[in-house]
Protein backbone atom coordinates (compact mmCIF):
# COMPACT_ATOMS: atom_id res chain seq x y z
CA UNK A 1 -41.92 -7.65 -22.22
CA UNK A 2 -44.25 -5.97 -24.21
CA UNK A 3 -47.16 -3.08 -23.93
CA UNK A 4 -50.40 -5.34 -23.69
CA UNK A 5 -52.91 -2.62 -24.70
CA UNK A 6 -53.82 0.59 -26.64
CA UNK A 7 -51.90 2.32 -29.49
CA UNK A 8 -48.51 0.71 -28.75
CA UNK A 9 -49.94 -2.67 -28.12
CA UNK A 10 -47.34 -5.57 -28.68
CA UNK A 11 -44.46 -3.38 -29.03
CA UNK A 12 -41.41 -4.63 -26.97
CA UNK A 13 -40.07 -2.87 -24.10
CA UNK A 14 -36.24 -3.07 -23.03
CA UNK A 15 -35.71 -4.47 -19.79
CA UNK A 16 -32.63 -4.67 -17.47
CA UNK A 17 -29.78 -7.27 -18.44
CA UNK A 18 -29.41 -9.50 -15.18
CA UNK A 19 -30.23 -6.62 -12.50
CA UNK A 20 -30.76 -7.28 -9.26
CA UNK A 21 -32.16 -3.75 -8.67
CA UNK A 22 -35.03 -3.84 -11.22
CA UNK A 23 -38.11 -6.07 -10.78
CA UNK A 24 -40.23 -5.22 -14.04
CA UNK A 25 -43.93 -5.73 -13.39
CA UNK A 26 -44.89 -9.05 -15.80
CA UNK A 27 -47.17 -8.50 -18.66
CA UNK A 28 -49.93 -10.75 -16.98
CA UNK A 29 -50.00 -8.58 -13.66
CA UNK A 30 -50.43 -5.33 -16.05
CA UNK A 31 -52.86 -6.72 -18.00
CA UNK A 32 -54.67 -7.96 -15.14
CA UNK A 33 -54.38 -4.24 -13.67
CA UNK A 34 -55.64 -2.71 -16.59
CA UNK A 35 -58.69 -5.26 -16.74
CA UNK A 36 -59.49 -4.07 -13.34
CA UNK A 37 -58.86 -0.39 -13.79
CA UNK A 38 -60.44 -0.49 -17.30
CA UNK A 39 -59.15 -0.79 -20.61
CA UNK A 40 -58.80 3.32 -21.29
CA UNK A 41 -56.91 5.84 -19.40
CA UNK A 42 -58.26 8.56 -21.79
CA UNK A 43 -56.96 12.11 -20.64
CA UNK A 44 -55.40 10.96 -17.21
CA UNK A 45 -52.27 12.24 -15.55
CA UNK A 46 -50.22 9.32 -14.48
CA UNK A 47 -47.51 9.28 -11.89
CA UNK A 48 -45.18 5.76 -11.91
CA UNK A 49 -43.51 5.74 -8.67
CA UNK A 50 -40.27 3.24 -8.67
CA UNK A 51 -40.85 3.00 -12.38
CA UNK A 52 -38.19 0.61 -13.30
CA UNK A 53 -38.72 0.05 -17.07
CA UNK A 54 -41.61 2.31 -17.01
CA UNK A 55 -43.79 -0.05 -18.47
CA UNK A 56 -47.16 0.94 -15.95
CA UNK A 57 -46.50 4.41 -17.16
CA UNK A 58 -46.02 3.53 -20.67
CA UNK A 59 -49.04 1.34 -20.83
CA UNK A 60 -51.38 4.05 -19.32
CA UNK A 61 -49.88 6.39 -22.23
CA UNK A 62 -50.88 4.11 -24.69
CA UNK A 63 -54.22 3.58 -23.41
CA UNK A 64 -54.82 7.37 -23.63
CA UNK A 65 -52.96 9.21 -20.68
CA UNK A 66 -51.92 12.62 -21.81
CA UNK A 67 -48.89 12.64 -19.35
CA UNK A 68 -46.83 10.08 -17.45
CA UNK A 69 -44.33 10.93 -14.79
CA UNK A 70 -41.88 8.42 -14.40
CA UNK A 71 -39.84 8.29 -11.25
CA UNK A 72 -36.69 6.21 -10.41
CA UNK A 73 -33.51 6.73 -8.40
CA UNK A 74 -31.58 3.79 -10.40
CA UNK A 75 -29.25 5.15 -13.33
CA UNK A 76 -29.98 2.04 -15.36
CA UNK A 77 -33.87 2.44 -14.77
CA UNK A 78 -33.89 5.86 -15.62
CA UNK A 79 -32.25 4.94 -19.02
CA UNK A 80 -34.68 2.13 -19.78
CA UNK A 81 -37.66 4.54 -19.17
CA UNK A 82 -35.93 7.18 -21.75
CA UNK A 83 -35.22 4.71 -24.24
CA UNK A 84 -38.62 2.81 -23.87
CA UNK A 85 -40.66 6.05 -24.23
CA UNK A 86 -38.58 7.30 -27.12
CA UNK A 87 -38.79 3.96 -28.81
CA UNK A 88 -42.62 3.92 -28.46
CA UNK A 89 -42.92 7.62 -29.59
CA UNK A 90 -44.06 9.05 -26.37
CA UNK A 91 -41.54 11.52 -25.19
CA UNK A 92 -44.00 14.28 -25.55
CA UNK A 93 -45.95 12.77 -22.94
CA UNK A 94 -43.53 11.33 -20.63
CA UNK A 95 -41.38 13.41 -18.09
CA UNK A 96 -38.68 11.40 -16.50
CA UNK A 97 -37.41 12.32 -12.82
CA UNK A 98 -34.07 10.85 -11.62
CA UNK A 99 -34.34 10.88 -8.00
CA UNK A 100 -35.57 8.93 -4.89
CA UNK A 101 -39.54 8.75 -4.87
CA UNK A 102 -39.54 10.64 -1.40
CA UNK A 103 -37.71 13.89 -2.94
CA UNK A 104 -39.66 13.55 -6.42
CA UNK A 105 -43.02 13.58 -4.49
CA UNK A 106 -41.97 16.61 -2.38
CA UNK A 107 -40.94 18.28 -5.79
CA UNK A 108 -44.27 17.48 -7.67
CA UNK A 109 -46.17 18.58 -4.51
CA UNK A 110 -44.40 22.05 -4.43
CA UNK A 111 -44.87 22.93 -8.36
CA UNK A 112 -48.59 21.68 -7.54
CA UNK A 113 -48.81 18.38 -9.76
CA UNK A 114 -51.79 16.58 -9.48
CA UNK A 115 -52.76 12.96 -10.92
CA UNK A 116 -55.58 10.82 -11.38
CA UNK A 117 -53.74 7.56 -11.35
CA UNK A 118 -50.80 6.35 -9.77
CA UNK A 119 -48.48 3.40 -9.89
CA UNK A 120 -46.04 2.42 -7.09
CA UNK A 121 -43.70 -0.74 -7.33
CA UNK A 122 -41.26 -0.20 -4.21
CA UNK A 123 -38.64 -2.66 -3.47
CA UNK A 124 -40.33 -5.21 -1.26
CA UNK A 125 -37.63 -5.00 1.48
CA UNK A 126 -38.87 -1.24 2.08
CA UNK A 127 -42.20 -2.13 2.77
CA UNK A 128 -43.13 1.52 1.82
CA UNK A 129 -46.62 0.80 0.84
CA UNK A 130 -48.21 2.82 3.81
CA UNK A 131 -45.59 5.44 3.40
CA UNK A 132 -46.30 6.05 -0.43
CA UNK A 133 -50.20 5.99 0.17
CA UNK A 134 -49.82 8.72 2.90
CA UNK A 135 -47.75 10.97 0.90
CA UNK A 136 -49.94 10.65 -2.35
CA UNK A 137 -52.75 12.16 -0.32
CA UNK A 138 -51.47 15.74 -1.51
CA UNK A 139 -50.75 14.77 -5.16
CA UNK A 140 -54.04 12.61 -5.96
CA UNK A 141 -57.33 14.08 -7.38
CA UNK A 142 -60.48 13.10 -4.87
CA UNK A 143 -61.64 9.91 -6.48
CA UNK A 144 -58.20 9.26 -8.00
CA UNK A 145 -56.60 5.55 -7.94
CA UNK A 146 -53.37 4.34 -6.70
CA UNK A 147 -51.90 1.01 -7.66
CA UNK A 148 -49.52 -0.53 -5.05
CA UNK A 149 -47.40 -3.53 -5.99
CA UNK A 150 -46.20 -5.06 -2.67
CA UNK A 151 -44.95 -8.48 -1.18
CA UNK A 152 -47.75 -10.47 -0.29
CA UNK A 153 -46.66 -10.62 3.28
CA UNK A 154 -47.15 -6.98 3.58
CA UNK A 155 -50.35 -6.06 4.74
CA UNK A 156 -52.30 -3.09 3.74
CA UNK A 157 -55.40 -2.31 5.26
CA UNK A 158 -58.72 -1.78 3.86
CA UNK A 159 -58.58 2.03 4.72
CA UNK A 160 -55.13 3.89 4.93
CA UNK A 161 -55.94 7.64 5.64
CA UNK A 162 -58.23 8.51 2.93
CA UNK A 163 -57.69 5.77 0.78
CA UNK A 164 -60.22 2.75 0.55
CA UNK A 165 -58.92 -0.50 -1.05
CA UNK A 166 -61.18 -1.39 -3.70
CA UNK A 167 -59.46 -4.71 -5.05
CA UNK A 168 -56.47 -6.88 -4.45
CA UNK A 169 -54.74 -9.74 -6.39
CA UNK A 170 -52.20 -11.91 -5.39
CA UNK A 171 -49.65 -13.49 -7.94
CA UNK A 172 -47.31 -15.83 -6.10
CA UNK A 173 -45.01 -13.74 -3.66
CA UNK A 174 -46.33 -10.42 -5.42
CA UNK A 175 -49.57 -8.48 -4.28
CA UNK A 176 -51.51 -5.88 -5.84
CA UNK A 177 -53.71 -3.57 -4.05
CA UNK A 178 -55.80 -0.80 -5.78
CA UNK A 179 -57.05 2.04 -3.67
CA UNK A 180 -59.06 4.91 -4.35
CA UNK A 181 -58.83 8.38 -2.80
CA UNK A 182 -62.10 9.29 -0.97
CA UNK A 183 -63.79 12.63 0.07
CA UNK A 184 -62.50 13.47 3.59
CA UNK A 185 -66.18 14.25 4.49
CA UNK A 186 -67.34 10.96 3.60
């Protein structure tokens, strides 16, 4: 697994050894996501929920994001996020929260954190896409984007609250849905 673009392009990321709990986003899927979003993340604040290896958030930093908050509750995943951020020299731009996503979202909201780009790749069995989108409305700037990776069988509508789906791609059993937060008056 490698960073596919930006200043750290081609650099290898550490991945879990034989773990059933961490399912890293494949290079091809990440490359497609960033092709849809645009190649740069210049100046963005990024949230990576269920971060696993931190690949999506670290990819965004490689492409110019000023901050990536990586959230995961798994001990191995948190360790991988730390190791990967350090190996890439991104420690100053990365914050790692070792807690369940629900707690992290509440803590981030309480401190007034705001993001322009969010990645969420919850365990497919959780079917948490709709819950995550609802919780993110309080943390994302108007016009911000949420990229939800989910099982293709999990249906996320065209509109979810203030979120409007802009793109959707399928990779086998994986589906990536990209939503933009709209103006409540629109």
